Structure formats: structure tokens, C-alpha cells
């Protein structure tokens, strides 16, 4: 099918995966290393669709320019769409589709990886033993069994995480505006208010979308309500946490540890090699120095299964649009 796709923020693994899956679709995909922004929007000229990722700058101005070039579809190869002005897209007749579920297992398993690594100080132990230091001082953790995990959001990813945590013998609390009460009953999840979750949780994990209501849901006020020494895990979106407030919580030890796969201002750093440059973001630099913090580069989704599913769903979304079918994954 003669559909041209402008593919932004492409990495070698994106090109390999999409090229393989595209053998079944036959789209004309043009890969660009640059992220979509006003500086790069001219690359969308002649494209029927654009394919973008989590850090694209797809605001009203960019969308207006794309509409003037004839772009008809924005295909997000991720679940979140907070970086797209959906209202502007609709005004200009551009449809928006996403990948709502590529592998909830991948992200849930990664959230557990962060919990266990922080709790048992695995990263510190590895650094030590490589240097011949086999002491156990400073490596004391706690049994996950019997502890309480609080999940903010109870969507697909959170449900997979709940299954894992229940397998550890943990108590699980959840806060969700529209909770699946039958699932909660089946897995013995206690549905609570946010304040109750803050007060009772030993570990808090974020699994809610980023919107006006959830932006900076973790802030100085919420942190003061939490258990002393709480662990915070974020595999969702960086702006769910107000970074400067988290840093203060870590300094006061109110927050005992933090596992961050996302960061408030990650766009300038994540997915790129910055090893030969100074990090000029003071908050990020400070987090990277803290021994009780793990920062990773938005990689929770990054499994073979998930990347294949992302490519397959993204290209199927484009095909459904091209054939005038109902768009099952459209952002309304």
C-alpha cells in the first residue's frame, strides 16, 4: 500500500523491528533520528502519517504545520499521549492512534526489578565485589513478604504487577478513579483513598496516565503523608513526580529509596549517549549521585515481545486508517 510514514526519533532497534514487521504491510517508511518538533516538522512534507514516541513535541503549532503539509494521521508507538495536543489534531482533521497494550508484563516485571534491586542493594553489591570488597555493611534489605505495596492506578500494567506482588505474599492497596472491583476482590486488593495509600504503603508504584489531575501527584504534601522511609517506583511518566520535592524527601530520609525509569525533564537526555558531556541538569545529576536512587533510561517497555507488539500494532493502526476501518486504538 502506497502510504508514506515519517518515522521520528528512530533508533537502530526501531528500524530493525519495524522493517521486519513492515514486510507484511509494505508501507513507505522514512526514518529520521530527530524528534518531532517545530525544528523538524518540515520533514513531514509528503507524508500521510507520522510515527512518534514519548518525547515528541506535538503541540498545536506543530500539528497546524503538519496539517498544511497534508498529514492525516499521528501514530504514537507508545501508550501515553500526553505530548500530543489531541484537540488541535481533531480541529485540523488529523486522527491520533496509539498502542494501548504492548506488553503489560514487561513494565510490571521491570517495576519489580527496581523494587528488588533497591531493597537488596544489588547494584551497590556488584560494584563492591568487582573491586574485591565482599563486606555486607550497608547492604541490609527487608523481606518483601508481609509488606504493603500501594499502586496508584490499576490498569493493565498494575494488574500484572499485583499478580507478582501477591505471589511474594505482599499486601496490596490500590487507588483508581474507576477501579476493577472484581479484579480487586479476586486478588485481595484493598481499594483505598490516596491518603490511605500514602499512609499505609511501604512501597508506592505509579501506574496512572499523565494528565492535569495527575501531574506532580507525588509532591511535598503527598510525601509528608507517607510512611517514613517509603520506597517510590515510577515506570509511568516523569512529571507524575515533582523532582525537587522528591529530592527533599530523600534528603530528609522520609523517602528511603526511589526507582525512576522516567524523569521530569528526560527529553534532553534519555535514549541518547551523553557520556562525553557534562550533565547540566542539576536535579538529574543529584539523583544520579544518590546511593539509594536508581535512574534508568525509560526502558521498562524494552523487551523483544514488547517491541514486536509495538511495531505490529502501530502498523495495523495505519493500515486500518488507510482502509477506512474503525480505529480501535484511536485517541478520542
C-alpha atoms as a PDB file:
ATOM      1  CA  UNK A   1       0.000   0.000   0.000  1.00  0.00           C
ATOM      2  CA  UNK A   2       1.432   3.363  -1.038  1.00  0.00           C
ATOM      3  CA  UNK A   3       1.281   5.054   2.358  1.00  0.00           C
ATOM      4  CA  UNK A   4       4.248   7.180   3.358  1.00  0.00           C
ATOM      5  CA  UNK A   5       5.164   7.333   7.057  1.00  0.00           C
ATOM      6  CA  UNK A   6       7.595   9.854   8.566  1.00  0.00           C
ATOM      7  CA  UNK A   7       9.136   7.954  11.475  1.00  0.00           C
ATOM      8  CA  UNK A   8      10.733  10.232  14.102  1.00  0.00           C
ATOM      9  CA  UNK A   9      13.192   9.600  16.937  1.00  0.00           C
ATOM     10  CA  UNK A  10      14.258   6.336  15.327  1.00  0.00           C
ATOM     11  CA  UNK A  11      16.985   4.171  16.795  1.00  0.00           C
ATOM     12  CA  UNK A  12      18.635   1.124  15.247  1.00  0.00           C
ATOM     13  CA  UNK A  13      16.355  -1.221  17.198  1.00  0.00           C
ATOM     14  CA  UNK A  14      13.286   0.681  15.959  1.00  0.00           C
ATOM     15  CA  UNK A  15      14.394   0.382  12.346  1.00  0.00           C
ATOM     16  CA  UNK A  16      15.213  -3.313  12.695  1.00  0.00           C
ATOM     17  CA  UNK A  17      11.904  -4.205  14.341  1.00  0.00           C
ATOM     18  CA  UNK A  18       9.661  -2.051  12.147  1.00  0.00           C
ATOM     19  CA  UNK A  19      11.414  -3.087   8.944  1.00  0.00           C
ATOM     20  CA  UNK A  20      10.822  -6.730   9.780  1.00  0.00           C
ATOM     21  CA  UNK A  21       7.158  -6.242  10.663  1.00  0.00           C
ATOM     22  CA  UNK A  22       6.624  -3.920   7.692  1.00  0.00           C
ATOM     23  CA  UNK A  23       7.328  -6.827   5.354  1.00  0.00           C
ATOM     24  CA  UNK A  24       3.712  -7.794   5.970  1.00  0.00           C
ATOM     25  CA  UNK A  25       2.405  -4.263   5.321  1.00  0.00           C
ATOM     26  CA  UNK A  26       4.575  -2.693   2.622  1.00  0.00           C
ATOM     27  CA  UNK A  27       4.437   0.904   3.815  1.00  0.00           C
ATOM     28  CA  UNK A  28       6.938   3.513   2.630  1.00  0.00           C
ATOM     29  CA  UNK A  29       8.653   4.349   5.933  1.00  0.00           C
ATOM     30  CA  UNK A  30      11.184   7.183   6.117  1.00  0.00           C
ATOM     31  CA  UNK A  31      13.243   7.020   9.316  1.00  0.00           C
ATOM     32  CA  UNK A  32      14.572  10.169  10.980  1.00  0.00           C
ATOM     33  CA  UNK A  33      16.853  10.303  14.020  1.00  0.00           C
ATOM     34  CA  UNK A  34      15.411  13.635  15.073  1.00  0.00           C
ATOM     35  CA  UNK A  35      12.433  14.033  17.403  1.00  0.00           C
ATOM     36  CA  UNK A  36       9.359  15.725  16.014  1.00  0.00           C
ATOM     37  CA  UNK A  37       9.293  19.436  16.912  1.00  0.00           C
ATOM     38  CA  UNK A  38       8.865  22.785  15.192  1.00  0.00           C
ATOM     39  CA  UNK A  39      12.510  22.491  14.130  1.00  0.00           C
ATOM     40  CA  UNK A  40      11.920  19.179  12.345  1.00  0.00           C
ATOM     41  CA  UNK A  41       8.265  19.329  11.290  1.00  0.00           C
ATOM     42  CA  UNK A  42       9.307  20.166   7.713  1.00  0.00           C
ATOM     43  CA  UNK A  43      10.364  16.510   7.405  1.00  0.00           C
ATOM     44  CA  UNK A  44       6.677  15.564   7.408  1.00  0.00           C
ATOM     45  CA  UNK A  45       6.112  17.117   3.974  1.00  0.00           C
ATOM     46  CA  UNK A  46       4.779  14.458   1.635  1.00  0.00           C
ATOM     47  CA  UNK A  47       3.909  12.068   4.479  1.00  0.00           C
ATOM     48  CA  UNK A  48       0.454  10.635   5.027  1.00  0.00           C
ATOM     49  CA  UNK A  49       1.241   9.679   8.620  1.00  0.00           C
ATOM     50  CA  UNK A  50       3.824  10.448  11.267  1.00  0.00           C
ATOM     51  CA  UNK A  51       5.063   7.923  13.805  1.00  0.00           C
ATOM     52  CA  UNK A  52       6.301   9.412  17.073  1.00  0.00           C
ATOM     53  CA  UNK A  53       7.449   8.336  20.518  1.00  0.00           C
ATOM     54  CA  UNK A  54       7.150   9.594  24.096  1.00  0.00           C
ATOM     55  CA  UNK A  55       9.299  12.738  23.858  1.00  0.00           C
ATOM     56  CA  UNK A  56       7.989  14.199  20.610  1.00  0.00           C
ATOM     57  CA  UNK A  57       6.835  17.824  20.771  1.00  0.00           C
ATOM     58  CA  UNK A  58       3.479  17.554  19.070  1.00  0.00           C
ATOM     59  CA  UNK A  59       1.778  20.759  20.146  1.00  0.00           C
ATOM     60  CA  UNK A  60      -0.802  22.878  18.340  1.00  0.00           C
ATOM     61  CA  UNK A  61       1.788  24.726  16.235  1.00  0.00           C
ATOM     62  CA  UNK A  62       3.425  21.513  15.056  1.00  0.00           C
ATOM     63  CA  UNK A  63       0.043  19.988  14.274  1.00  0.00           C
ATOM     64  CA  UNK A  64      -1.084  23.035  12.314  1.00  0.00           C
ATOM     65  CA  UNK A  65       2.079  22.836  10.221  1.00  0.00           C
ATOM     66  CA  UNK A  66       1.647  19.098   9.609  1.00  0.00           C
ATOM     67  CA  UNK A  67      -1.951  19.646   8.545  1.00  0.00           C
ATOM     68  CA  UNK A  68      -0.779  22.193   5.980  1.00  0.00           C
ATOM     69  CA  UNK A  69       1.584  19.526   4.612  1.00  0.00           C
ATOM     70  CA  UNK A  70      -1.260  17.043   4.253  1.00  0.00           C
ATOM     71  CA  UNK A  71      -0.519  14.742   7.198  1.00  0.00           C
ATOM     72  CA  UNK A  72      -3.659  12.819   8.100  1.00  0.00           C
ATOM     73  CA  UNK A  73      -2.592  10.527  10.943  1.00  0.00           C
ATOM     74  CA  UNK A  74      -0.427  10.703  14.078  1.00  0.00           C
ATOM     75  CA  UNK A  75       0.599   7.173  15.070  1.00  0.00           C
ATOM     76  CA  UNK A  76       2.049   7.011  18.562  1.00  0.00           C
ATOM     77  CA  UNK A  77       4.178   3.932  19.126  1.00  0.00           C
ATOM     78  CA  UNK A  78       3.504   4.071  22.866  1.00  0.00           C
ATOM     79  CA  UNK A  79       0.538   4.077  25.225  1.00  0.00           C
ATOM     80  CA  UNK A  80       0.752   7.627  26.580  1.00  0.00           C
ATOM     81  CA  UNK A  81      -0.396  10.605  24.510  1.00  0.00           C
ATOM     82  CA  UNK A  82       0.212  13.489  26.913  1.00  0.00           C
ATOM     83  CA  UNK A  83       2.730  15.012  24.463  1.00  0.00           C
ATOM     84  CA  UNK A  84       0.104  15.385  21.706  1.00  0.00           C
ATOM     85  CA  UNK A  85      -2.428  18.210  21.574  1.00  0.00           C
ATOM     86  CA  UNK A  86      -5.315  15.921  20.676  1.00  0.00           C
ATOM     87  CA  UNK A  87      -7.829  18.786  20.493  1.00  0.00           C
ATOM     88  CA  UNK A  88      -5.664  20.612  17.950  1.00  0.00           C
ATOM     89  CA  UNK A  89      -5.313  17.417  15.922  1.00  0.00           C
ATOM     90  CA  UNK A  90      -9.071  16.970  15.807  1.00  0.00           C
ATOM     91  CA  UNK A  91      -9.575  20.594  14.778  1.00  0.00           C
ATOM     92  CA  UNK A  92      -7.264  20.050  11.822  1.00  0.00           C
ATOM     93  CA  UNK A  93      -8.783  16.719  10.846  1.00  0.00           C
ATOM     94  CA  UNK A  94      -5.789  14.629  11.920  1.00  0.00           C
ATOM     95  CA  UNK A  95      -6.584  11.312  13.596  1.00  0.00           C
ATOM     96  CA  UNK A  96      -4.490  10.112  16.532  1.00  0.00           C
ATOM     97  CA  UNK A  97      -3.841   6.455  17.330  1.00  0.00           C
ATOM     98  CA  UNK A  98      -1.674   4.755  19.937  1.00  0.00           C
ATOM     99  CA  UNK A  99      -0.535   1.378  21.258  1.00  0.00           C
ATOM    100  CA  UNK A 100      -2.514   0.920  24.468  1.00  0.00           C
ATOM    101  CA  UNK A 101      -1.136  -2.502  25.415  1.00  0.00           C
ATOM    102  CA  UNK A 102       2.183  -3.701  24.013  1.00  0.00           C
ATOM    103  CA  UNK A 103       3.333  -5.792  26.968  1.00  0.00           C
ATOM    104  CA  UNK A 104       1.997  -5.052  30.426  1.00  0.00           C
ATOM    105  CA  UNK A 105       4.212  -7.911  31.616  1.00  0.00           C
ATOM    106  CA  UNK A 106       7.370  -6.064  30.540  1.00  0.00           C
ATOM    107  CA  UNK A 107       6.655  -2.912  32.555  1.00  0.00           C
ATOM    108  CA  UNK A 108       5.275  -4.769  35.573  1.00  0.00           C
ATOM    109  CA  UNK A 109       8.317  -7.034  35.709  1.00  0.00           C
ATOM    110  CA  UNK A 110      10.613  -4.028  35.437  1.00  0.00           C
ATOM    111  CA  UNK A 111       8.855  -2.280  38.313  1.00  0.00           C
ATOM    112  CA  UNK A 112       9.562  -5.366  40.437  1.00  0.00           C
ATOM    113  CA  UNK A 113      13.168  -5.329  39.211  1.00  0.00           C
ATOM    114  CA  UNK A 114      13.582  -1.796  40.549  1.00  0.00           C
ATOM    115  CA  UNK A 115      11.971  -2.731  43.870  1.00  0.00           C
ATOM    116  CA  UNK A 116      14.204  -5.742  44.432  1.00  0.00           C
ATOM    117  CA  UNK A 117      17.373  -4.013  43.235  1.00  0.00           C
ATOM    118  CA  UNK A 118      16.817  -1.068  45.564  1.00  0.00           C
ATOM    119  CA  UNK A 119      15.736  -3.177  48.500  1.00  0.00           C
ATOM    120  CA  UNK A 120      18.616  -5.659  48.352  1.00  0.00           C
ATOM    121  CA  UNK A 121      21.209  -3.077  47.198  1.00  0.00           C
ATOM    122  CA  UNK A 122      22.165  -5.302  44.255  1.00  0.00           C
ATOM    123  CA  UNK A 123      23.832  -2.509  42.262  1.00  0.00           C
ATOM    124  CA  UNK A 124      25.998  -1.479  45.233  1.00  0.00           C
ATOM    125  CA  UNK A 125      26.959  -5.094  45.889  1.00  0.00           C
ATOM    126  CA  UNK A 126      28.035  -5.630  42.272  1.00  0.00           C
ATOM    127  CA  UNK A 127      30.223  -2.517  42.304  1.00  0.00           C
ATOM    128  CA  UNK A 128      31.842  -3.630  45.558  1.00  0.00           C
ATOM    129  CA  UNK A 129      32.577  -7.227  44.647  1.00  0.00           C
ATOM    130  CA  UNK A 130      34.129  -6.164  41.338  1.00  0.00           C
ATOM    131  CA  UNK A 131      36.637  -4.227  43.398  1.00  0.00           C
ATOM    132  CA  UNK A 132      37.235  -7.140  45.761  1.00  0.00           C
ATOM    133  CA  UNK A 133      35.084  -5.784  48.609  1.00  0.00           C
ATOM    134  CA  UNK A 134      32.870  -8.571  49.949  1.00  0.00           C
ATOM    135  CA  UNK A 135      31.631  -6.853  53.112  1.00  0.00           C
ATOM    136  CA  UNK A 136      27.891  -6.770  53.829  1.00  0.00           C
ATOM    137  CA  UNK A 137      27.854  -3.431  55.661  1.00  0.00           C
ATOM    138  CA  UNK A 138      25.233  -1.118  54.177  1.00  0.00           C
ATOM    139  CA  UNK A 139      23.531  -3.840  52.147  1.00  0.00           C
ATOM    140  CA  UNK A 140      20.747  -4.730  54.586  1.00  0.00           C
ATOM    141  CA  UNK A 141      17.333  -5.103  52.975  1.00  0.00           C
ATOM    142  CA  UNK A 142      13.904  -6.293  54.104  1.00  0.00           C
ATOM    143  CA  UNK A 143      11.579  -9.181  53.327  1.00  0.00           C
ATOM    144  CA  UNK A 144       9.026  -8.216  50.699  1.00  0.00           C
ATOM    145  CA  UNK A 145       6.706 -10.825  52.210  1.00  0.00           C
ATOM    146  CA  UNK A 146       4.188  -9.195  54.503  1.00  0.00           C
ATOM    147  CA  UNK A 147       4.975  -5.644  53.406  1.00  0.00           C
ATOM    148  CA  UNK A 148       2.394  -3.350  51.820  1.00  0.00           C
ATOM    149  CA  UNK A 149       2.592  -2.066  48.257  1.00  0.00           C
ATOM    150  CA  UNK A 150       0.405   0.817  47.141  1.00  0.00           C
ATOM    151  CA  UNK A 151      -0.361   1.206  43.431  1.00  0.00           C
ATOM    152  CA  UNK A 152      -1.646   4.486  42.054  1.00  0.00           C
ATOM    153  CA  UNK A 153      -3.648   3.382  39.035  1.00  0.00           C
ATOM    154  CA  UNK A 154      -4.985  -0.104  38.378  1.00  0.00           C
ATOM    155  CA  UNK A 155      -4.808  -0.572  34.618  1.00  0.00           C
ATOM    156  CA  UNK A 156      -3.310  -3.448  32.632  1.00  0.00           C
ATOM    157  CA  UNK A 157       0.261  -2.956  33.881  1.00  0.00           C
ATOM    158  CA  UNK A 158      -0.772  -2.516  37.500  1.00  0.00           C
ATOM    159  CA  UNK A 159      -2.860  -5.687  37.351  1.00  0.00           C
ATOM    160  CA  UNK A 160       0.134  -7.712  36.184  1.00  0.00           C
ATOM    161  CA  UNK A 161       2.221  -6.133  38.937  1.00  0.00           C
ATOM    162  CA  UNK A 162      -0.438  -7.019  41.507  1.00  0.00           C
ATOM    163  CA  UNK A 163      -0.265 -10.668  40.490  1.00  0.00           C
ATOM    164  CA  UNK A 164       3.507 -10.688  41.007  1.00  0.00           C
ATOM    165  CA  UNK A 165       3.392  -8.866  44.338  1.00  0.00           C
ATOM    166  CA  UNK A 166       0.656 -11.131  45.667  1.00  0.00           C
ATOM    167  CA  UNK A 167       2.934 -14.019  44.732  1.00  0.00           C
ATOM    168  CA  UNK A 168       5.529 -12.514  47.059  1.00  0.00           C
ATOM    169  CA  UNK A 169       2.973 -12.546  49.845  1.00  0.00           C
ATOM    170  CA  UNK A 170       2.651  -8.763  49.905  1.00  0.00           C
ATOM    171  CA  UNK A 171      -0.426  -6.824  50.910  1.00  0.00           C
ATOM    172  CA  UNK A 172      -1.613  -4.645  48.034  1.00  0.00           C
ATOM    173  CA  UNK A 173      -3.503  -1.358  48.144  1.00  0.00           C
ATOM    174  CA  UNK A 174      -4.726   0.419  45.029  1.00  0.00           C
ATOM    175  CA  UNK A 175      -6.170   3.788  44.160  1.00  0.00           C
ATOM    176  CA  UNK A 176      -8.032   4.243  40.878  1.00  0.00           C
ATOM    177  CA  UNK A 177     -10.847   6.552  39.828  1.00  0.00           C
ATOM    178  CA  UNK A 178     -12.598   3.669  38.075  1.00  0.00           C
ATOM    179  CA  UNK A 179     -11.347   0.513  39.802  1.00  0.00           C
ATOM    180  CA  UNK A 180     -11.995  -3.011  38.594  1.00  0.00           C
ATOM    181  CA  UNK A 181     -13.723  -4.204  41.764  1.00  0.00           C
ATOM    182  CA  UNK A 182     -13.978  -7.810  40.632  1.00  0.00           C
ATOM    183  CA  UNK A 183     -10.231  -7.978  39.957  1.00  0.00           C
ATOM    184  CA  UNK A 184      -9.553  -6.374  43.330  1.00  0.00           C
ATOM    185  CA  UNK A 185     -11.705  -8.978  45.021  1.00  0.00           C
ATOM    186  CA  UNK A 186     -10.122 -11.863  43.105  1.00  0.00           C
ATOM    187  CA  UNK A 187      -6.588 -10.808  44.070  1.00  0.00           C
ATOM    188  CA  UNK A 188      -7.371  -9.483  47.554  1.00  0.00           C
ATOM    189  CA  UNK A 189      -6.503  -5.901  46.687  1.00  0.00           C
ATOM    190  CA  UNK A 190      -7.797  -3.261  49.077  1.00  0.00           C
ATOM    191  CA  UNK A 191      -9.184  -0.221  47.266  1.00  0.00           C
ATOM    192  CA  UNK A 192      -8.357   2.909  49.239  1.00  0.00           C
ATOM    193  CA  UNK A 193      -8.163   6.680  49.022  1.00  0.00           C
ATOM    194  CA  UNK A 194      -4.898   8.342  48.071  1.00  0.00           C
ATOM    195  CA  UNK A 195      -4.279   9.468  51.635  1.00  0.00           C
ATOM    196  CA  UNK A 196      -4.786   5.935  52.946  1.00  0.00           C
ATOM    197  CA  UNK A 197      -2.407   4.609  50.304  1.00  0.00           C
ATOM    198  CA  UNK A 198       0.244   7.160  51.252  1.00  0.00           C
ATOM    199  CA  UNK A 199      -0.078   6.419  54.970  1.00  0.00           C
ATOM    200  CA  UNK A 200      -0.035   2.616  54.778  1.00  0.00           C
ATOM    201  CA  UNK A 201       2.346   1.712  51.927  1.00  0.00           C
ATOM    202  CA  UNK A 202       5.935   0.552  52.336  1.00  0.00           C
ATOM    203  CA  UNK A 203       6.373   0.775  48.557  1.00  0.00           C
ATOM    204  CA  UNK A 204       4.434   3.086  46.228  1.00  0.00           C
ATOM    205  CA  UNK A 205       4.399   2.401  42.482  1.00  0.00           C
ATOM    206  CA  UNK A 206       2.941   4.785  39.890  1.00  0.00           C
ATOM    207  CA  UNK A 207       0.780   3.396  37.076  1.00  0.00           C
ATOM    208  CA  UNK A 208      -1.576   6.232  36.194  1.00  0.00           C
ATOM    209  CA  UNK A 209      -1.643   8.310  32.997  1.00  0.00           C
ATOM    210  CA  UNK A 210      -0.165  11.794  32.997  1.00  0.00           C
ATOM    211  CA  UNK A 211      -2.848  14.477  32.776  1.00  0.00           C
ATOM    212  CA  UNK A 212      -3.820  17.691  34.538  1.00  0.00           C
ATOM    213  CA  UNK A 213      -5.111  15.768  37.552  1.00  0.00           C
ATOM    214  CA  UNK A 214      -2.052  13.534  37.999  1.00  0.00           C
ATOM    215  CA  UNK A 215       0.753  15.941  37.129  1.00  0.00           C
ATOM    216  CA  UNK A 216       3.061  16.094  40.190  1.00  0.00           C
ATOM    217  CA  UNK A 217       0.797  13.745  42.131  1.00  0.00           C
ATOM    218  CA  UNK A 218       3.943  12.987  44.130  1.00  0.00           C
ATOM    219  CA  UNK A 219       4.914  16.279  45.749  1.00  0.00           C
ATOM    220  CA  UNK A 220       5.926  17.693  49.116  1.00  0.00           C
ATOM    221  CA  UNK A 221       2.389  17.436  50.504  1.00  0.00           C
ATOM    222  CA  UNK A 222       1.890  13.815  49.485  1.00  0.00           C
ATOM    223  CA  UNK A 223       5.391  12.831  50.616  1.00  0.00           C
ATOM    224  CA  UNK A 224       4.756  14.151  54.132  1.00  0.00           C
ATOM    225  CA  UNK A 225       1.743  11.799  54.372  1.00  0.00           C
ATOM    226  CA  UNK A 226       3.818   8.721  53.509  1.00  0.00           C
ATOM    227  CA  UNK A 227       5.447   6.214  55.824  1.00  0.00           C
ATOM    228  CA  UNK A 228       8.922   7.221  56.914  1.00  0.00           C
ATOM    229  CA  UNK A 229      11.434   5.502  54.614  1.00  0.00           C
ATOM    230  CA  UNK A 230       8.918   4.700  51.866  1.00  0.00           C
ATOM    231  CA  UNK A 231      10.193   3.412  48.512  1.00  0.00           C
ATOM    232  CA  UNK A 232       8.804   5.150  45.411  1.00  0.00           C
ATOM    233  CA  UNK A 233       8.808   3.498  41.977  1.00  0.00           C
ATOM    234  CA  UNK A 234       7.948   5.327  38.753  1.00  0.00           C
ATOM    235  CA  UNK A 235       7.732   3.481  35.442  1.00  0.00           C
ATOM    236  CA  UNK A 236       4.964   5.770  34.133  1.00  0.00           C
ATOM    237  CA  UNK A 237       5.728   9.373  33.221  1.00  0.00           C
ATOM    238  CA  UNK A 238       8.351  11.666  34.707  1.00  0.00           C
ATOM    239  CA  UNK A 239       6.008  14.526  35.537  1.00  0.00           C
ATOM    240  CA  UNK A 240       3.985  12.372  37.901  1.00  0.00           C
ATOM    241  CA  UNK A 241       6.715  13.330  40.393  1.00  0.00           C
ATOM    242  CA  UNK A 242       7.853  16.844  41.275  1.00  0.00           C
ATOM    243  CA  UNK A 243      11.570  16.152  41.260  1.00  0.00           C
ATOM    244  CA  UNK A 244      12.708  18.870  43.655  1.00  0.00           C
ATOM    245  CA  UNK A 245      10.189  17.640  46.240  1.00  0.00           C
ATOM    246  CA  UNK A 246      11.368  14.054  45.816  1.00  0.00           C
ATOM    247  CA  UNK A 247      14.974  15.181  46.364  1.00  0.00           C
ATOM    248  CA  UNK A 248      13.983  16.927  49.590  1.00  0.00           C
ATOM    249  CA  UNK A 249      12.167  13.775  50.690  1.00  0.00           C
ATOM    250  CA  UNK A 250      15.288  11.737  50.018  1.00  0.00           C
ATOM    251  CA  UNK A 251      17.473  14.220  51.875  1.00  0.00           C
ATOM    252  CA  UNK A 252      15.240  14.060  54.953  1.00  0.00           C
ATOM    253  CA  UNK A 253      15.021  10.246  54.647  1.00  0.00           C
ATOM    254  CA  UNK A 254      11.221  10.499  54.553  1.00  0.00           C
ATOM    255  CA  UNK A 255      11.713   8.746  51.215  1.00  0.00           C
ATOM    256  CA  UNK A 256      14.045   5.815  51.762  1.00  0.00           C
ATOM    257  CA  UNK A 257      14.644   4.930  48.105  1.00  0.00           C
ATOM    258  CA  UNK A 258      13.449   5.789  44.612  1.00  0.00           C
ATOM    259  CA  UNK A 259      13.463   3.783  41.402  1.00  0.00           C
ATOM    260  CA  UNK A 260      12.912   6.066  38.412  1.00  0.00           C
ATOM    261  CA  UNK A 261      12.668   4.744  34.883  1.00  0.00           C
ATOM    262  CA  UNK A 262      11.322   8.129  33.818  1.00  0.00           C
ATOM    263  CA  UNK A 263      12.301  11.678  34.697  1.00  0.00           C
ATOM    264  CA  UNK A 264      10.528  15.027  34.694  1.00  0.00           C
ATOM    265  CA  UNK A 265      12.868  16.574  32.104  1.00  0.00           C
ATOM    266  CA  UNK A 266      14.080  13.424  30.380  1.00  0.00           C
ATOM    267  CA  UNK A 267      13.723  14.580  26.768  1.00  0.00           C
ATOM    268  CA  UNK A 268      17.196  16.128  26.629  1.00  0.00           C
ATOM    269  CA  UNK A 269      18.930  13.005  27.924  1.00  0.00           C
ATOM    270  CA  UNK A 270      17.042   9.751  27.616  1.00  0.00           C
ATOM    271  CA  UNK A 271      17.675   7.466  24.627  1.00  0.00           C
ATOM    272  CA  UNK A 272      20.903   9.299  23.796  1.00  0.00           C
ATOM    273  CA  UNK A 273      24.579   8.742  24.653  1.00  0.00           C
ATOM    274  CA  UNK A 274      25.616  11.702  26.808  1.00  0.00           C
ATOM    275  CA  UNK A 275      28.640  10.001  28.367  1.00  0.00           C
ATOM    276  CA  UNK A 276      31.105  12.518  26.896  1.00  0.00           C
ATOM    277  CA  UNK A 277      29.171  15.567  28.110  1.00  0.00           C
ATOM    278  CA  UNK A 278      28.560  17.127  31.489  1.00  0.00           C
ATOM    279  CA  UNK A 279      25.022  16.702  32.794  1.00  0.00           C
ATOM    280  CA  UNK A 280      23.863  20.279  33.209  1.00  0.00           C
ATOM    281  CA  UNK A 281      20.544  19.365  34.811  1.00  0.00           C
ATOM    282  CA  UNK A 282      21.373  19.808  38.494  1.00  0.00           C
ATOM    283  CA  UNK A 283      18.407  17.758  39.740  1.00  0.00           C
ATOM    284  CA  UNK A 284      19.182  14.811  37.492  1.00  0.00           C
ATOM    285  CA  UNK A 285      22.878  14.974  38.391  1.00  0.00           C
ATOM    286  CA  UNK A 286      21.997  14.927  42.088  1.00  0.00           C
ATOM    287  CA  UNK A 287      19.670  11.950  41.707  1.00  0.00           C
ATOM    288  CA  UNK A 288      22.390  10.030  39.868  1.00  0.00           C
ATOM    289  CA  UNK A 289      24.759  10.623  42.779  1.00  0.00           C
ATOM    290  CA  UNK A 290      22.398   9.333  45.477  1.00  0.00           C
ATOM    291  CA  UNK A 291      23.174   5.780  46.640  1.00  0.00           C
ATOM    292  CA  UNK A 292      19.508   4.988  47.324  1.00  0.00           C
ATOM    293  CA  UNK A 293      18.255   6.078  43.888  1.00  0.00           C
ATOM    294  CA  UNK A 294      18.215   4.194  40.608  1.00  0.00           C
ATOM    295  CA  UNK A 295      17.604   6.148  37.395  1.00  0.00           C
ATOM    296  CA  UNK A 296      17.230   4.223  34.152  1.00  0.00           C
ATOM    297  CA  UNK A 297      16.502   5.479  30.664  1.00  0.00           C
ATOM    298  CA  UNK A 298      12.787   4.784  30.148  1.00  0.00           C
ATOM    299  CA  UNK A 299      13.485   1.137  29.350  1.00  0.00           C
ATOM    300  CA  UNK A 300      10.718  -0.678  31.236  1.00  0.00           C
ATOM    301  CA  UNK A 301       8.960  -1.478  27.952  1.00  0.00           C
ATOM    302  CA  UNK A 302      12.113  -2.720  26.240  1.00  0.00           C
ATOM    303  CA  UNK A 303      11.678  -6.446  25.640  1.00  0.00           C
ATOM    304  CA  UNK A 304      11.659  -8.390  22.375  1.00  0.00           C
ATOM    305  CA  UNK A 305       7.991  -9.170  22.790  1.00  0.00           C
ATOM    306  CA  UNK A 306       7.007  -5.600  23.553  1.00  0.00           C
ATOM    307  CA  UNK A 307       8.939  -4.011  20.679  1.00  0.00           C
ATOM    308  CA  UNK A 308       7.439  -6.518  18.234  1.00  0.00           C
ATOM    309  CA  UNK A 309       3.934  -5.809  19.537  1.00  0.00           C
ATOM    310  CA  UNK A 310       4.515  -2.065  19.301  1.00  0.00           C
ATOM    311  CA  UNK A 311       5.542  -2.337  15.656  1.00  0.00           C
ATOM    312  CA  UNK A 312       2.702  -4.705  14.756  1.00  0.00           C
ATOM    313  CA  UNK A 313       0.012  -2.615  16.459  1.00  0.00           C
ATOM    314  CA  UNK A 314       1.353   0.690  15.115  1.00  0.00           C
ATOM    315  CA  UNK A 315       1.400  -0.511  11.523  1.00  0.00           C
ATOM    316  CA  UNK A 316      -2.001  -2.179  11.892  1.00  0.00           C
ATOM    317  CA  UNK A 317      -3.345   1.164  13.145  1.00  0.00           C
ATOM    318  CA  UNK A 318      -2.005   2.816   9.982  1.00  0.00           C
ATOM    319  CA  UNK A 319      -3.476   0.096   7.775  1.00  0.00           C
ATOM    320  CA  UNK A 320      -6.893   0.385   9.421  1.00  0.00           C
ATOM    321  CA  UNK A 321      -6.810   4.133   8.810  1.00  0.00           C
ATOM    322  CA  UNK A 322      -5.755   3.713   5.191  1.00  0.00           C
ATOM    323  CA  UNK A 323      -8.551   1.217   4.575  1.00  0.00           C
ATOM    324  CA  UNK A 324     -11.165   3.392   6.254  1.00  0.00           C
ATOM    325  CA  UNK A 325     -11.823   0.905   9.035  1.00  0.00           C
ATOM    326  CA  UNK A 326     -12.784   1.693  12.578  1.00  0.00           C
ATOM    327  CA  UNK A 327      -9.714   2.731  14.581  1.00  0.00           C
ATOM    328  CA  UNK A 328      -9.781   0.533  17.655  1.00  0.00           C
ATOM    329  CA  UNK A 329      -6.854   2.397  19.230  1.00  0.00           C
ATOM    330  CA  UNK A 330      -7.875   5.942  18.407  1.00  0.00           C
ATOM    331  CA  UNK A 331      -7.436   8.688  20.974  1.00  0.00           C
ATOM    332  CA  UNK A 332     -10.800  10.379  21.064  1.00  0.00           C
END
